[in-house]
Protein backbone atom coordinates (compact mmCIF):
# COMPACT_ATOMS: atom_id res chain seq x y z
CA UNK A 1 105.57 94.27 90.57
CA UNK A 2 102.95 92.55 91.31
CA UNK A 3 99.30 94.09 91.58
CA UNK A 4 96.93 94.73 94.22
CA UNK A 5 93.19 95.34 93.74
CA UNK A 6 91.87 98.68 95.68
CA UNK A 7 88.13 99.31 95.50
CA UNK A 8 86.92 101.92 97.36
CA UNK A 9 83.12 101.91 99.18
CA UNK A 10 80.35 102.26 97.80
CA UNK A 11 77.80 105.00 99.06
CA UNK A 12 75.22 103.20 101.41
CA UNK A 13 72.05 102.38 99.61
CA UNK A 14 70.39 103.33 102.63
CA UNK A 15 69.93 107.55 103.57
CA UNK A 16 72.16 108.48 105.89
CA UNK A 17 70.82 109.60 108.97
CA UNK A 18 73.33 112.53 109.88
CA UNK A 19 71.06 115.38 111.05
CA UNK A 20 71.09 118.36 107.48
CA UNK A 21 74.69 120.18 106.94
CA UNK A 22 72.70 123.46 108.78
CA UNK A 23 72.20 121.34 112.08
CA UNK A 24 75.78 120.62 112.02
CA UNK A 25 77.11 123.63 110.90
CA UNK A 26 75.69 124.74 113.89
CA UNK A 27 76.92 122.13 116.82
CA UNK A 28 80.38 123.01 118.43
CA UNK A 29 83.30 121.66 117.83
CA UNK A 30 86.31 121.28 119.92
CA UNK A 31 89.15 121.00 118.13
CA UNK A 32 91.75 118.82 120.63
CA UNK A 33 88.59 116.02 119.80
CA UNK A 34 88.92 117.01 116.36
CA UNK A 35 92.24 116.26 115.97
CA UNK A 36 91.59 112.82 116.57
CA UNK A 37 89.15 112.59 114.56
CA UNK A 38 90.75 113.52 111.64
CA UNK A 39 93.20 110.19 112.11
CA UNK A 40 90.31 108.39 109.39
CA UNK A 41 91.31 111.81 106.61
CA UNK A 42 94.91 110.76 107.05
CA UNK A 43 95.45 107.47 105.64
CA UNK A 44 94.37 110.10 102.03
CA UNK A 45 94.63 113.79 102.44
CA UNK A 46 98.26 115.84 104.52
CA UNK A 47 96.89 117.58 107.50
CA UNK A 48 100.19 119.72 108.34
CA UNK A 49 103.06 117.22 108.58
CA UNK A 50 100.77 114.28 108.97
CA UNK A 51 99.29 112.41 106.85
CA UNK A 52 99.18 110.48 103.06
CA UNK A 53 99.36 112.53 99.62
CA UNK A 54 96.91 111.08 97.49
CA UNK A 55 93.36 113.72 97.99
CA UNK A 56 93.57 117.68 98.65
CA UNK A 57 95.84 118.56 101.37
CA UNK A 58 93.80 120.35 103.94
CA UNK A 59 96.67 121.91 105.59
CA UNK A 60 95.77 125.87 103.85
CA UNK A 61 91.54 124.20 102.81
CA UNK A 62 91.03 124.12 106.65
CA UNK A 63 92.06 127.62 107.38
CA UNK A 64 90.60 129.26 104.74
CA UNK A 65 87.37 128.05 104.23
CA UNK A 66 83.74 128.87 106.10
CA UNK A 67 82.74 126.15 108.44
CA UNK A 68 79.72 125.57 106.23
CA UNK A 69 82.40 124.47 102.72
CA UNK A 70 83.98 122.36 104.95
CA UNK A 71 80.87 120.36 106.21
CA UNK A 72 79.84 120.26 102.58
CA UNK A 73 82.69 118.42 101.75
CA UNK A 74 82.98 115.99 104.32
CA UNK A 75 79.07 115.52 104.05
CA UNK A 76 78.96 114.87 100.08
CA UNK A 77 82.51 114.75 99.07
CA UNK A 78 81.11 113.42 95.48
CA UNK A 79 79.59 117.14 95.19
CA UNK A 80 82.42 119.22 94.05
CA UNK A 81 85.13 117.25 93.70
CA UNK A 82 89.04 118.90 93.31
CA UNK A 83 90.51 119.11 90.02
CA UNK A 84 93.33 116.45 89.86
CA UNK A 85 91.46 114.43 92.57
CA UNK A 86 88.76 112.72 89.84
CA UNK A 87 88.69 108.52 90.38
CA UNK A 88 89.09 106.06 88.45
CA UNK A 89 88.19 102.37 87.90
CA UNK A 90 90.28 100.31 85.49
CA UNK A 91 89.90 96.17 85.23
CA UNK A 92 93.51 94.75 84.41
CA UNK A 93 93.85 91.01 83.08
CA UNK A 94 94.04 88.83 80.80
CA UNK A 95 92.61 88.48 76.95
CA UNK A 96 92.86 84.57 75.24
CA UNK A 97 89.95 83.90 72.23
CA UNK A 98 88.22 87.85 72.53
CA UNK A 99 87.85 87.34 76.09
CA UNK A 100 89.03 88.90 79.25
CA UNK A 101 89.24 87.17 82.39
CA UNK A 102 89.60 90.21 84.68
CA UNK A 103 92.33 89.77 87.88
CA UNK A 104 92.40 92.37 89.62
CA UNK A 105 90.40 96.16 89.73
CA UNK A 106 91.87 98.78 91.10
CA UNK A 107 89.98 102.78 92.20
CA UNK A 108 92.23 105.71 92.24
CA UNK A 109 93.77 108.21 90.21
CA UNK A 110 95.46 108.36 87.01
CA UNK A 111 98.87 109.91 87.37
CA UNK A 112 99.90 109.03 83.79
CA UNK A 113 98.05 107.76 80.78
CA UNK A 114 100.86 106.56 78.82
CA UNK A 115 102.69 102.89 79.05
CA UNK A 116 103.07 102.20 81.23
CA UNK A 117 99.64 103.21 83.17
CA UNK A 118 100.73 104.57 86.68
CA UNK A 119 97.54 104.35 88.94
CA UNK A 120 97.69 105.91 92.85
CA UNK A 121 95.57 104.50 95.50
CA UNK A 122 94.45 105.75 98.81
CA UNK A 123 97.16 105.61 101.13
CA UNK A 124 99.08 107.18 98.34
CA UNK A 125 100.62 103.72 96.11
CA UNK A 126 101.03 103.65 92.66
CA UNK A 127 100.44 101.07 90.61
CA UNK A 128 102.05 100.63 87.39
CA UNK A 129 100.08 98.38 85.17
CA UNK A 130 101.34 97.64 81.22
CA UNK A 131 97.64 99.37 78.53
CA UNK A 132 97.28 95.40 77.24
CA UNK A 133 96.86 94.03 80.49
CA UNK A 134 93.62 96.38 80.90
CA UNK A 135 90.67 95.76 80.41
CA UNK A 136 88.77 98.71 81.36
CA UNK A 137 89.60 102.40 82.11
CA UNK A 138 86.01 104.32 83.21
CA UNK A 139 86.14 107.46 85.10
CA UNK A 140 84.08 106.76 88.15
CA UNK A 141 80.37 108.97 89.09
CA UNK A 142 81.81 109.97 91.85
CA UNK A 143 83.98 110.58 95.02
CA UNK A 144 86.92 107.52 95.86
CA UNK A 145 86.63 108.89 99.64
CA UNK A 146 83.55 107.43 101.51
CA UNK A 147 80.90 109.00 102.82
CA UNK A 148 81.06 110.09 106.63
CA UNK A 149 79.08 107.04 108.32
CA UNK A 150 81.53 104.41 106.51
CA UNK A 151 84.52 106.53 108.22
CA UNK A 152 82.39 106.06 111.72
CA UNK A 153 81.44 109.82 111.29
CA UNK A 154 78.85 111.15 112.61
CA UNK A 155 77.62 114.64 113.34
CA UNK A 156 79.35 115.25 116.03
CA UNK A 157 82.92 114.06 114.80
CA UNK A 158 82.34 116.34 111.48
CA UNK A 159 81.84 119.38 113.59
CA UNK A 160 84.69 118.57 116.30
CA UNK A 161 87.12 117.38 113.33
CA UNK A 162 86.15 121.02 111.20
CA UNK A 163 87.38 122.55 114.77
CA UNK A 164 90.43 121.74 114.41
CA UNK A 165 91.31 122.33 110.99
CA UNK A 166 90.04 125.77 111.24
CA UNK A 167 92.70 125.96 114.70
CA UNK A 168 95.70 126.74 115.22
CA UNK A 169 96.78 123.60 116.08
CA UNK A 170 97.03 122.37 112.19
CA UNK A 171 101.30 123.86 111.67
CA UNK A 172 102.18 124.66 108.17
CA UNK A 173 104.38 122.13 106.97
CA UNK A 174 107.29 124.16 105.89
């Protein structure tokens, strides 16, 4: 099977342009606008019956957590990474004369550390990599979730997404 390089974006070097979390919490969110803004979440998260099974399911999380916790999770995705969702970066290639030639870099969640190694990438795609082709495997010191600015989220959109996650508009998938 052909491998596909998948590299999660590094956090921006520049400081966040967002207001403080307290200021975002104080905004009034609109669940309908939040439903539309949450489209950027679906490539990784399930919300109700929609979305990929890559990152934590937000259906129950959104209904059981206070607004402050939800805003914090979006604004600072690396602050608390849910168990089982820690990201890794693997480099894949070929070794010749004790030197590696890297052909692919893949960020994701290692779902099996056997041979072949299985790594789940954004969108839920699972890639198989033979151990003999693994040059490096290392845990990422940050979340695989991009900073909100990289997702096109401003303070109001974050507030709207939180309102949507807490609304009755999010239906249980069963």
